[in-house]
mmCIF file of all heavy atoms, coordinates in Angstrom:
data_MODEL
# 
_entry.id   MODEL 
# 
loop_
_atom_site.group_PDB 
_atom_site.id 
_atom_site.type_symbol 
_atom_site.label_atom_id 
_atom_site.label_alt_id 
_atom_site.label_comp_id 
_atom_site.label_asym_id 
_atom_site.label_entity_id 
_atom_site.label_seq_id 
_atom_site.pdbx_PDB_ins_code 
_atom_site.Cartn_x 
_atom_site.Cartn_y 
_atom_site.Cartn_z 
_atom_site.occupancy 
_atom_site.B_iso_or_equiv 
_atom_site.pdbx_formal_charge 
_atom_site.auth_seq_id 
_atom_site.auth_comp_id 
_atom_site.auth_asym_id 
_atom_site.auth_atom_id 
_atom_site.pdbx_PDB_model_num 
ATOM 1   N N   . ASP A 1 1  ? -24.823 -109.968 67.647 1.00 0.00 ? 1  ASP A N   1 
ATOM 2   C CA  . ASP A 1 1  ? -23.685 -109.885 68.525 1.00 0.00 ? 1  ASP A CA  1 
ATOM 3   C C   . ASP A 1 1  ? -23.060 -108.459 68.518 1.00 0.00 ? 1  ASP A C   1 
ATOM 4   O O   . ASP A 1 1  ? -22.770 -107.844 69.577 1.00 0.00 ? 1  ASP A O   1 
ATOM 5   C CB  . ASP A 1 1  ? -22.629 -110.903 68.154 1.00 0.00 ? 1  ASP A CB  1 
ATOM 6   C CG  . ASP A 1 1  ? -22.922 -112.280 68.720 1.00 0.00 ? 1  ASP A CG  1 
ATOM 7   O OD1 . ASP A 1 1  ? -23.586 -112.354 69.754 1.00 0.00 ? 1  ASP A OD1 1 
ATOM 8   O OD2 . ASP A 1 1  ? -22.495 -113.204 68.116 1.00 0.00 ? 1  ASP A OD2 1 
ATOM 9   N N   . LEU A 1 2  ? -22.971 -107.942 67.259 1.00 0.00 ? 2  LEU A N   1 
ATOM 10  C CA  . LEU A 1 2  ? -22.400 -106.616 67.089 1.00 0.00 ? 2  LEU A CA  1 
ATOM 11  C C   . LEU A 1 2  ? -23.234 -105.601 67.749 1.00 0.00 ? 2  LEU A C   1 
ATOM 12  O O   . LEU A 1 2  ? -22.782 -104.693 68.448 1.00 0.00 ? 2  LEU A O   1 
ATOM 13  C CB  . LEU A 1 2  ? -22.345 -106.265 65.563 1.00 0.00 ? 2  LEU A CB  1 
ATOM 14  C CG  . LEU A 1 2  ? -21.546 -105.116 65.158 1.00 0.00 ? 2  LEU A CG  1 
ATOM 15  C CD1 . LEU A 1 2  ? -20.036 -105.192 65.521 1.00 0.00 ? 2  LEU A CD1 1 
ATOM 16  C CD2 . LEU A 1 2  ? -21.664 -104.837 63.597 1.00 0.00 ? 2  LEU A CD2 1 
ATOM 17  N N   . ALA A 1 3  ? -24.595 -105.662 67.677 1.00 0.00 ? 3  ALA A N   1 
ATOM 18  C CA  . ALA A 1 3  ? -25.522 -104.769 68.361 1.00 0.00 ? 3  ALA A CA  1 
ATOM 19  C C   . ALA A 1 3  ? -25.321 -104.882 69.852 1.00 0.00 ? 3  ALA A C   1 
ATOM 20  O O   . ALA A 1 3  ? -25.279 -103.794 70.547 1.00 0.00 ? 3  ALA A O   1 
ATOM 21  C CB  . ALA A 1 3  ? -26.971 -105.200 68.008 1.00 0.00 ? 3  ALA A CB  1 
ATOM 22  N N   . ASP A 1 4  ? -25.145 -106.012 70.355 1.00 0.00 ? 4  ASP A N   1 
ATOM 23  C CA  . ASP A 1 4  ? -24.864 -106.158 71.821 1.00 0.00 ? 4  ASP A CA  1 
ATOM 24  C C   . ASP A 1 4  ? -23.549 -105.446 72.279 1.00 0.00 ? 4  ASP A C   1 
ATOM 25  O O   . ASP A 1 4  ? -23.466 -104.895 73.323 1.00 0.00 ? 4  ASP A O   1 
ATOM 26  C CB  . ASP A 1 4  ? -24.758 -107.669 72.228 1.00 0.00 ? 4  ASP A CB  1 
ATOM 27  C CG  . ASP A 1 4  ? -26.095 -108.348 72.084 1.00 0.00 ? 4  ASP A CG  1 
ATOM 28  O OD1 . ASP A 1 4  ? -27.214 -107.680 72.065 1.00 0.00 ? 4  ASP A OD1 1 
ATOM 29  O OD2 . ASP A 1 4  ? -26.093 -109.602 71.949 1.00 0.00 ? 4  ASP A OD2 1 
ATOM 30  N N   . GLY A 1 5  ? -22.577 -105.502 71.346 1.00 0.00 ? 5  GLY A N   1 
ATOM 31  C CA  . GLY A 1 5  ? -21.361 -104.823 71.577 1.00 0.00 ? 5  GLY A CA  1 
ATOM 32  C C   . GLY A 1 5  ? -21.538 -103.304 71.774 1.00 0.00 ? 5  GLY A C   1 
ATOM 33  O O   . GLY A 1 5  ? -20.807 -102.687 72.616 1.00 0.00 ? 5  GLY A O   1 
ATOM 34  N N   . HIS A 1 6  ? -22.485 -102.658 71.022 1.00 0.00 ? 6  HIS A N   1 
ATOM 35  C CA  . HIS A 1 6  ? -22.762 -101.284 71.242 1.00 0.00 ? 6  HIS A CA  1 
ATOM 36  C C   . HIS A 1 6  ? -23.399 -100.963 72.544 1.00 0.00 ? 6  HIS A C   1 
ATOM 37  O O   . HIS A 1 6  ? -23.125 -100.000 73.184 1.00 0.00 ? 6  HIS A O   1 
ATOM 38  C CB  . HIS A 1 6  ? -23.626 -100.810 70.037 1.00 0.00 ? 6  HIS A CB  1 
ATOM 39  C CG  . HIS A 1 6  ? -22.955 -100.760 68.743 1.00 0.00 ? 6  HIS A CG  1 
ATOM 40  N ND1 . HIS A 1 6  ? -22.702 -101.882 67.961 1.00 0.00 ? 6  HIS A ND1 1 
ATOM 41  C CD2 . HIS A 1 6  ? -22.444 -99.716  68.041 1.00 0.00 ? 6  HIS A CD2 1 
ATOM 42  C CE1 . HIS A 1 6  ? -22.064 -101.540 66.865 1.00 0.00 ? 6  HIS A CE1 1 
ATOM 43  N NE2 . HIS A 1 6  ? -21.894 -100.284 66.893 1.00 0.00 ? 6  HIS A NE2 1 
ATOM 44  N N   . VAL A 1 7  ? -24.296 -101.825 72.968 1.00 0.00 ? 7  VAL A N   1 
ATOM 45  C CA  . VAL A 1 7  ? -24.931 -101.677 74.294 1.00 0.00 ? 7  VAL A CA  1 
ATOM 46  C C   . VAL A 1 7  ? -23.812 -101.693 75.392 1.00 0.00 ? 7  VAL A C   1 
ATOM 47  O O   . VAL A 1 7  ? -23.863 -100.856 76.311 1.00 0.00 ? 7  VAL A O   1 
ATOM 48  C CB  . VAL A 1 7  ? -25.962 -102.706 74.533 1.00 0.00 ? 7  VAL A CB  1 
ATOM 49  C CG1 . VAL A 1 7  ? -26.521 -102.596 75.997 1.00 0.00 ? 7  VAL A CG1 1 
ATOM 50  C CG2 . VAL A 1 7  ? -27.106 -102.627 73.524 1.00 0.00 ? 7  VAL A CG2 1 
ATOM 51  N N   . LYS A 1 8  ? -22.966 -102.687 75.305 1.00 0.00 ? 8  LYS A N   1 
ATOM 52  C CA  . LYS A 1 8  ? -21.851 -102.741 76.244 1.00 0.00 ? 8  LYS A CA  1 
ATOM 53  C C   . LYS A 1 8  ? -20.919 -101.554 76.230 1.00 0.00 ? 8  LYS A C   1 
ATOM 54  O O   . LYS A 1 8  ? -20.369 -101.154 77.215 1.00 0.00 ? 8  LYS A O   1 
ATOM 55  C CB  . LYS A 1 8  ? -21.082 -104.079 76.014 1.00 0.00 ? 8  LYS A CB  1 
ATOM 56  C CG  . LYS A 1 8  ? -21.901 -105.301 76.492 1.00 0.00 ? 8  LYS A CG  1 
ATOM 57  C CD  . LYS A 1 8  ? -21.081 -106.559 76.298 1.00 0.00 ? 8  LYS A CD  1 
ATOM 58  C CE  . LYS A 1 8  ? -21.746 -107.700 77.211 1.00 0.00 ? 8  LYS A CE  1 
ATOM 59  N NZ  . LYS A 1 8  ? -23.117 -107.900 77.082 1.00 0.00 ? 8  LYS A NZ  1 
ATOM 60  N N   . ALA A 1 9  ? -20.713 -100.955 75.020 1.00 0.00 ? 9  ALA A N   1 
ATOM 61  C CA  . ALA A 1 9  ? -19.919 -99.802  74.853 1.00 0.00 ? 9  ALA A CA  1 
ATOM 62  C C   . ALA A 1 9  ? -20.618 -98.581  75.595 1.00 0.00 ? 9  ALA A C   1 
ATOM 63  O O   . ALA A 1 9  ? -19.963 -97.848  76.351 1.00 0.00 ? 9  ALA A O   1 
ATOM 64  C CB  . ALA A 1 9  ? -19.671 -99.404  73.429 1.00 0.00 ? 9  ALA A CB  1 
ATOM 65  N N   . ILE A 1 10 ? -21.946 -98.482  75.416 1.00 0.00 ? 10 ILE A N   1 
ATOM 66  C CA  . ILE A 1 10 ? -22.668 -97.422  76.209 1.00 0.00 ? 10 ILE A CA  1 
ATOM 67  C C   . ILE A 1 10 ? -22.597 -97.618  77.720 1.00 0.00 ? 10 ILE A C   1 
ATOM 68  O O   . ILE A 1 10 ? -22.312 -96.668  78.483 1.00 0.00 ? 10 ILE A O   1 
ATOM 69  C CB  . ILE A 1 10 ? -24.094 -97.381  75.725 1.00 0.00 ? 10 ILE A CB  1 
ATOM 70  C CG1 . ILE A 1 10 ? -24.215 -96.843  74.261 1.00 0.00 ? 10 ILE A CG1 1 
ATOM 71  C CG2 . ILE A 1 10 ? -24.910 -96.413  76.554 1.00 0.00 ? 10 ILE A CG2 1 
ATOM 72  C CD1 . ILE A 1 10 ? -24.002 -95.463  73.966 1.00 0.00 ? 10 ILE A CD1 1 
ATOM 73  N N   . ASN A 1 11 ? -22.750 -98.867  78.097 1.00 0.00 ? 11 ASN A N   1 
ATOM 74  C CA  . ASN A 1 11 ? -22.650 -99.237  79.529 1.00 0.00 ? 11 ASN A CA  1 
ATOM 75  C C   . ASN A 1 11 ? -21.251 -98.800  80.055 1.00 0.00 ? 11 ASN A C   1 
ATOM 76  O O   . ASN A 1 11 ? -21.059 -98.182  81.131 1.00 0.00 ? 11 ASN A O   1 
ATOM 77  C CB  . ASN A 1 11 ? -22.923 -100.706 79.773 1.00 0.00 ? 11 ASN A CB  1 
ATOM 78  C CG  . ASN A 1 11 ? -24.250 -101.143 79.465 1.00 0.00 ? 11 ASN A CG  1 
ATOM 79  O OD1 . ASN A 1 11 ? -25.194 -100.226 79.406 1.00 0.00 ? 11 ASN A OD1 1 
ATOM 80  N ND2 . ASN A 1 11 ? -24.461 -102.401 79.336 1.00 0.00 ? 11 ASN A ND2 1 
ATOM 81  N N   . TYR A 1 12 ? -20.181 -99.159  79.264 1.00 0.00 ? 12 TYR A N   1 
ATOM 82  C CA  . TYR A 1 12 ? -18.832 -98.917  79.727 1.00 0.00 ? 12 TYR A CA  1 
ATOM 83  C C   . TYR A 1 12 ? -18.495 -97.458  79.800 1.00 0.00 ? 12 TYR A C   1 
ATOM 84  O O   . TYR A 1 12 ? -17.764 -97.055  80.643 1.00 0.00 ? 12 TYR A O   1 
ATOM 85  C CB  . TYR A 1 12 ? -17.929 -99.673  78.734 1.00 0.00 ? 12 TYR A CB  1 
ATOM 86  C CG  . TYR A 1 12 ? -16.438 -99.441  78.977 1.00 0.00 ? 12 TYR A CG  1 
ATOM 87  C CD1 . TYR A 1 12 ? -15.790 -100.140 80.025 1.00 0.00 ? 12 TYR A CD1 1 
ATOM 88  C CD2 . TYR A 1 12 ? -15.672 -98.700  78.147 1.00 0.00 ? 12 TYR A CD2 1 
ATOM 89  C CE1 . TYR A 1 12 ? -14.397 -99.941  80.236 1.00 0.00 ? 12 TYR A CE1 1 
ATOM 90  C CE2 . TYR A 1 12 ? -14.332 -98.522  78.298 1.00 0.00 ? 12 TYR A CE2 1 
ATOM 91  C CZ  . TYR A 1 12 ? -13.649 -99.142  79.379 1.00 0.00 ? 12 TYR A CZ  1 
ATOM 92  O OH  . TYR A 1 12 ? -12.323 -98.933  79.621 1.00 0.00 ? 12 TYR A OH  1 
ATOM 93  N N   . MET A 1 13 ? -19.140 -96.656  78.935 1.00 0.00 ? 13 MET A N   1 
ATOM 94  C CA  . MET A 1 13 ? -18.776 -95.291  78.923 1.00 0.00 ? 13 MET A CA  1 
ATOM 95  C C   . MET A 1 13 ? -19.103 -94.587  80.242 1.00 0.00 ? 13 MET A C   1 
ATOM 96  O O   . MET A 1 13 ? -18.497 -93.574  80.616 1.00 0.00 ? 13 MET A O   1 
ATOM 97  C CB  . MET A 1 13 ? -19.510 -94.588  77.753 1.00 0.00 ? 13 MET A CB  1 
ATOM 98  C CG  . MET A 1 13 ? -18.967 -93.288  77.365 1.00 0.00 ? 13 MET A CG  1 
ATOM 99  S SD  . MET A 1 13 ? -18.979 -93.045  75.536 1.00 0.00 ? 13 MET A SD  1 
ATOM 100 C CE  . MET A 1 13 ? -20.631 -93.487  75.119 1.00 0.00 ? 13 MET A CE  1 
ATOM 101 N N   . ALA A 1 14 ? -20.087 -95.075  80.981 1.00 0.00 ? 14 ALA A N   1 
ATOM 102 C CA  . ALA A 1 14 ? -20.450 -94.474  82.254 1.00 0.00 ? 14 ALA A CA  1 
ATOM 103 C C   . ALA A 1 14 ? -19.285 -94.588  83.229 1.00 0.00 ? 14 ALA A C   1 
ATOM 104 O O   . ALA A 1 14 ? -19.165 -93.790  84.199 1.00 0.00 ? 14 ALA A O   1 
ATOM 105 C CB  . ALA A 1 14 ? -21.630 -95.246  82.794 1.00 0.00 ? 14 ALA A CB  1 
ATOM 106 N N   . LYS A 1 15 ? -18.322 -95.584  82.968 1.00 0.00 ? 15 LYS A N   1 
ATOM 107 C CA  . LYS A 1 15 ? -17.123 -95.688  83.911 1.00 0.00 ? 15 LYS A CA  1 
ATOM 108 C C   . LYS A 1 15 ? -16.010 -94.734  83.477 1.00 0.00 ? 15 LYS A C   1 
ATOM 109 O O   . LYS A 1 15 ? -14.996 -94.635  84.304 1.00 0.00 ? 15 LYS A O   1 
ATOM 110 C CB  . LYS A 1 15 ? -16.651 -97.120  83.854 1.00 0.00 ? 15 LYS A CB  1 
ATOM 111 C CG  . LYS A 1 15 ? -17.707 -98.148  84.226 1.00 0.00 ? 15 LYS A CG  1 
ATOM 112 C CD  . LYS A 1 15 ? -17.109 -99.580  83.992 1.00 0.00 ? 15 LYS A CD  1 
ATOM 113 C CE  . LYS A 1 15 ? -18.214 -100.639 84.114 1.00 0.00 ? 15 LYS A CE  1 
ATOM 114 N NZ  . LYS A 1 15 ? -17.718 -101.976 83.771 1.00 0.00 ? 15 LYS A NZ  1 
ATOM 115 N N   . LEU A 1 16 ? -16.055 -94.219  82.258 1.00 0.00 ? 16 LEU A N   1 
ATOM 116 C CA  . LEU A 1 16 ? -14.923 -93.380  81.826 1.00 0.00 ? 16 LEU A CA  1 
ATOM 117 C C   . LEU A 1 16 ? -15.041 -91.901  82.372 1.00 0.00 ? 16 LEU A C   1 
ATOM 118 O O   . LEU A 1 16 ? -16.110 -91.422  82.452 1.00 0.00 ? 16 LEU A O   1 
ATOM 119 C CB  . LEU A 1 16 ? -14.919 -93.298  80.301 1.00 0.00 ? 16 LEU A CB  1 
ATOM 120 C CG  . LEU A 1 16 ? -14.659 -94.670  79.594 1.00 0.00 ? 16 LEU A CG  1 
ATOM 121 C CD1 . LEU A 1 16 ? -14.753 -94.403  78.118 1.00 0.00 ? 16 LEU A CD1 1 
ATOM 122 C CD2 . LEU A 1 16 ? -13.310 -95.267  79.970 1.00 0.00 ? 16 LEU A CD2 1 
ATOM 123 N N   . GLU A 1 17 ? -13.896 -91.382  82.615 1.00 0.00 ? 17 GLU A N   1 
ATOM 124 C CA  . GLU A 1 17 ? -13.912 -89.928  82.949 1.00 0.00 ? 17 GLU A CA  1 
ATOM 125 C C   . GLU A 1 17 ? -13.980 -89.066  81.648 1.00 0.00 ? 17 GLU A C   1 
ATOM 126 O O   . GLU A 1 17 ? -14.799 -88.120  81.561 1.00 0.00 ? 17 GLU A O   1 
ATOM 127 C CB  . GLU A 1 17 ? -12.573 -89.590  83.720 1.00 0.00 ? 17 GLU A CB  1 
ATOM 128 C CG  . GLU A 1 17 ? -12.516 -90.163  85.099 1.00 0.00 ? 17 GLU A CG  1 
ATOM 129 C CD  . GLU A 1 17 ? -13.620 -89.715  86.046 1.00 0.00 ? 17 GLU A CD  1 
ATOM 130 O OE1 . GLU A 1 17 ? -13.860 -88.473  86.032 1.00 0.00 ? 17 GLU A OE1 1 
ATOM 131 O OE2 . GLU A 1 17 ? -14.184 -90.497  86.819 1.00 0.00 ? 17 GLU A OE2 1 
ATOM 132 N N   . SER A 1 18 ? -13.093 -89.317  80.714 1.00 0.00 ? 18 SER A N   1 
ATOM 133 C CA  . SER A 1 18 ? -13.053 -88.618  79.498 1.00 0.00 ? 18 SER A CA  1 
ATOM 134 C C   . SER A 1 18 ? -12.094 -89.375  78.579 1.00 0.00 ? 18 SER A C   1 
ATOM 135 O O   . SER A 1 18 ? -11.531 -90.363  78.953 1.00 0.00 ? 18 SER A O   1 
ATOM 136 C CB  . SER A 1 18 ? -12.613 -87.151  79.687 1.00 0.00 ? 18 SER A CB  1 
ATOM 137 O OG  . SER A 1 18 ? -11.307 -87.198  80.201 1.00 0.00 ? 18 SER A OG  1 
ATOM 138 N N   . GLY A 1 19 ? -11.912 -88.874  77.346 1.00 0.00 ? 19 GLY A N   1 
ATOM 139 C CA  . GLY A 1 19 ? -10.934 -89.404  76.498 1.00 0.00 ? 19 GLY A CA  1 
ATOM 140 C C   . GLY A 1 19 ? -11.533 -90.481  75.487 1.00 0.00 ? 19 GLY A C   1 
ATOM 141 O O   . GLY A 1 19 ? -12.761 -90.596  75.391 1.00 0.00 ? 19 GLY A O   1 
ATOM 142 N N   . VAL A 1 20 ? -10.653 -91.118  74.736 1.00 0.00 ? 20 VAL A N   1 
ATOM 143 C CA  . VAL A 1 20 ? -11.066 -92.008  73.684 1.00 0.00 ? 20 VAL A CA  1 
ATOM 144 C C   . VAL A 1 20 ? -10.539 -93.408  74.064 1.00 0.00 ? 20 VAL A C   1 
ATOM 145 O O   . VAL A 1 20 ? -9.486  -93.625  74.517 1.00 0.00 ? 20 VAL A O   1 
ATOM 146 C CB  . VAL A 1 20 ? -10.371 -91.687  72.305 1.00 0.00 ? 20 VAL A CB  1 
ATOM 147 C CG1 . VAL A 1 20 ? -10.618 -92.641  71.233 1.00 0.00 ? 20 VAL A CG1 1 
ATOM 148 C CG2 . VAL A 1 20 ? -10.818 -90.268  71.889 1.00 0.00 ? 20 VAL A CG2 1 
ATOM 149 N N   . ASP A 1 21 ? -11.406 -94.399  73.795 1.00 0.00 ? 21 ASP A N   1 
ATOM 150 C CA  . ASP A 1 21 ? -11.035 -95.785  73.821 1.00 0.00 ? 21 ASP A CA  1 
ATOM 151 C C   . ASP A 1 21 ? -11.506 -96.513  72.629 1.00 0.00 ? 21 ASP A C   1 
ATOM 152 O O   . ASP A 1 21 ? -12.397 -96.038  71.922 1.00 0.00 ? 21 ASP A O   1 
ATOM 153 C CB  . ASP A 1 21 ? -11.616 -96.461  75.095 1.00 0.00 ? 21 ASP A CB  1 
ATOM 154 C CG  . ASP A 1 21 ? -10.666 -97.540  75.686 1.00 0.00 ? 21 ASP A CG  1 
ATOM 155 O OD1 . ASP A 1 21 ? -9.802  -98.053  74.884 1.00 0.00 ? 21 ASP A OD1 1 
ATOM 156 O OD2 . ASP A 1 21 ? -10.884 -97.911  76.862 1.00 0.00 ? 21 ASP A OD2 1 
ATOM 157 N N   . VAL A 1 22 ? -10.805 -97.568  72.268 1.00 0.00 ? 22 VAL A N   1 
ATOM 158 C CA  . VAL A 1 22 ? -11.100 -98.261  70.962 1.00 0.00 ? 22 VAL A CA  1 
ATOM 159 C C   . VAL A 1 22 ? -11.179 -99.671  71.211 1.00 0.00 ? 22 VAL A C   1 
ATOM 160 O O   . VAL A 1 22 ? -10.413 -100.308 72.035 1.00 0.00 ? 22 VAL A O   1 
ATOM 161 C CB  . VAL A 1 22 ? -10.003 -97.861  69.908 1.00 0.00 ? 22 VAL A CB  1 
ATOM 162 C CG1 . VAL A 1 22 ? -8.610  -98.244  70.445 1.00 0.00 ? 22 VAL A CG1 1 
ATOM 163 C CG2 . VAL A 1 22 ? -10.274 -98.605  68.578 1.00 0.00 ? 22 VAL A CG2 1 
ATOM 164 N N   . PHE A 1 23 ? -12.144 -100.386 70.528 1.00 0.00 ? 23 PHE A N   1 
ATOM 165 C CA  . PHE A 1 23 ? -12.343 -101.863 70.700 1.00 0.00 ? 23 PHE A CA  1 
ATOM 166 C C   . PHE A 1 23 ? -12.641 -102.379 69.264 1.00 0.00 ? 23 PHE A C   1 
ATOM 167 O O   . PHE A 1 23 ? -13.451 -101.885 68.466 1.00 0.00 ? 23 PHE A O   1 
ATOM 168 C CB  . PHE A 1 23 ? -13.584 -102.166 71.562 1.00 0.00 ? 23 PHE A CB  1 
ATOM 169 C CG  . PHE A 1 23 ? -13.379 -101.640 72.965 1.00 0.00 ? 23 PHE A CG  1 
ATOM 170 C CD1 . PHE A 1 23 ? -13.844 -100.403 73.341 1.00 0.00 ? 23 PHE A CD1 1 
ATOM 171 C CD2 . PHE A 1 23 ? -12.713 -102.436 73.912 1.00 0.00 ? 23 PHE A CD2 1 
ATOM 172 C CE1 . PHE A 1 23 ? -13.673 -99.943  74.679 1.00 0.00 ? 23 PHE A CE1 1 
ATOM 173 C CE2 . PHE A 1 23 ? -12.476 -101.997 75.194 1.00 0.00 ? 23 PHE A CE2 1 
ATOM 174 C CZ  . PHE A 1 23 ? -13.020 -100.712 75.585 1.00 0.00 ? 23 PHE A CZ  1 
ATOM 175 N N   . ASN A 1 24 ? -12.008 -103.643 69.054 1.00 0.00 ? 24 ASN A N   1 
ATOM 176 C CA  . ASN A 1 24 ? -12.417 -104.443 67.907 1.00 0.00 ? 24 ASN A CA  1 
ATOM 177 C C   . ASN A 1 24 ? -13.610 -105.172 68.303 1.00 0.00 ? 24 ASN A C   1 
ATOM 178 O O   . ASN A 1 24 ? -13.766 -105.698 69.400 1.00 0.00 ? 24 ASN A O   1 
ATOM 179 C CB  . ASN A 1 24 ? -11.248 -105.486 67.652 1.00 0.00 ? 24 ASN A CB  1 
ATOM 180 C CG  . ASN A 1 24 ? -10.016 -104.879 67.063 1.00 0.00 ? 24 ASN A CG  1 
ATOM 181 O OD1 . ASN A 1 24 ? -10.054 -103.835 66.373 1.00 0.00 ? 24 ASN A OD1 1 
ATOM 182 N ND2 . ASN A 1 24 ? -8.911  -105.539 67.221 1.00 0.00 ? 24 ASN A ND2 1 
ATOM 183 N N   . LEU A 1 25 ? -14.527 -105.332 67.350 1.00 0.00 ? 25 LEU A N   1 
ATOM 184 C CA  . LEU A 1 25 ? -15.749 -106.142 67.507 1.00 0.00 ? 25 LEU A CA  1 
ATOM 185 C C   . LEU A 1 25 ? -15.719 -107.229 66.373 1.00 0.00 ? 25 LEU A C   1 
ATOM 186 O O   . LEU A 1 25 ? -15.980 -106.948 65.240 1.00 0.00 ? 25 LEU A O   1 
ATOM 187 C CB  . LEU A 1 25 ? -17.016 -105.378 67.452 1.00 0.00 ? 25 LEU A CB  1 
ATOM 188 C CG  . LEU A 1 25 ? -17.274 -104.412 68.599 1.00 0.00 ? 25 LEU A CG  1 
ATOM 189 C CD1 . LEU A 1 25 ? -18.671 -103.810 68.500 1.00 0.00 ? 25 LEU A CD1 1 
ATOM 190 C CD2 . LEU A 1 25 ? -17.154 -105.101 69.951 1.00 0.00 ? 25 LEU A CD2 1 
ATOM 191 N N   . GLY A 1 26 ? -15.390 -108.427 66.767 1.00 0.00 ? 26 GLY A N   1 
ATOM 192 C CA  . GLY A 1 26 ? -15.283 -109.590 65.835 1.00 0.00 ? 26 GLY A CA  1 
ATOM 193 C C   . GLY A 1 26 ? -15.459 -110.853 66.741 1.00 0.00 ? 26 GLY A C   1 
ATOM 194 O O   . GLY A 1 26 ? -15.708 -110.802 67.864 1.00 0.00 ? 26 GLY A O   1 
# 
């Protein structure tokens, strides 16, 4: 599940302009 969270983070990054975002994975 945690590994899937990293893939989703890479996918999500394509939508970001710049800056930092933070997510709990649990």
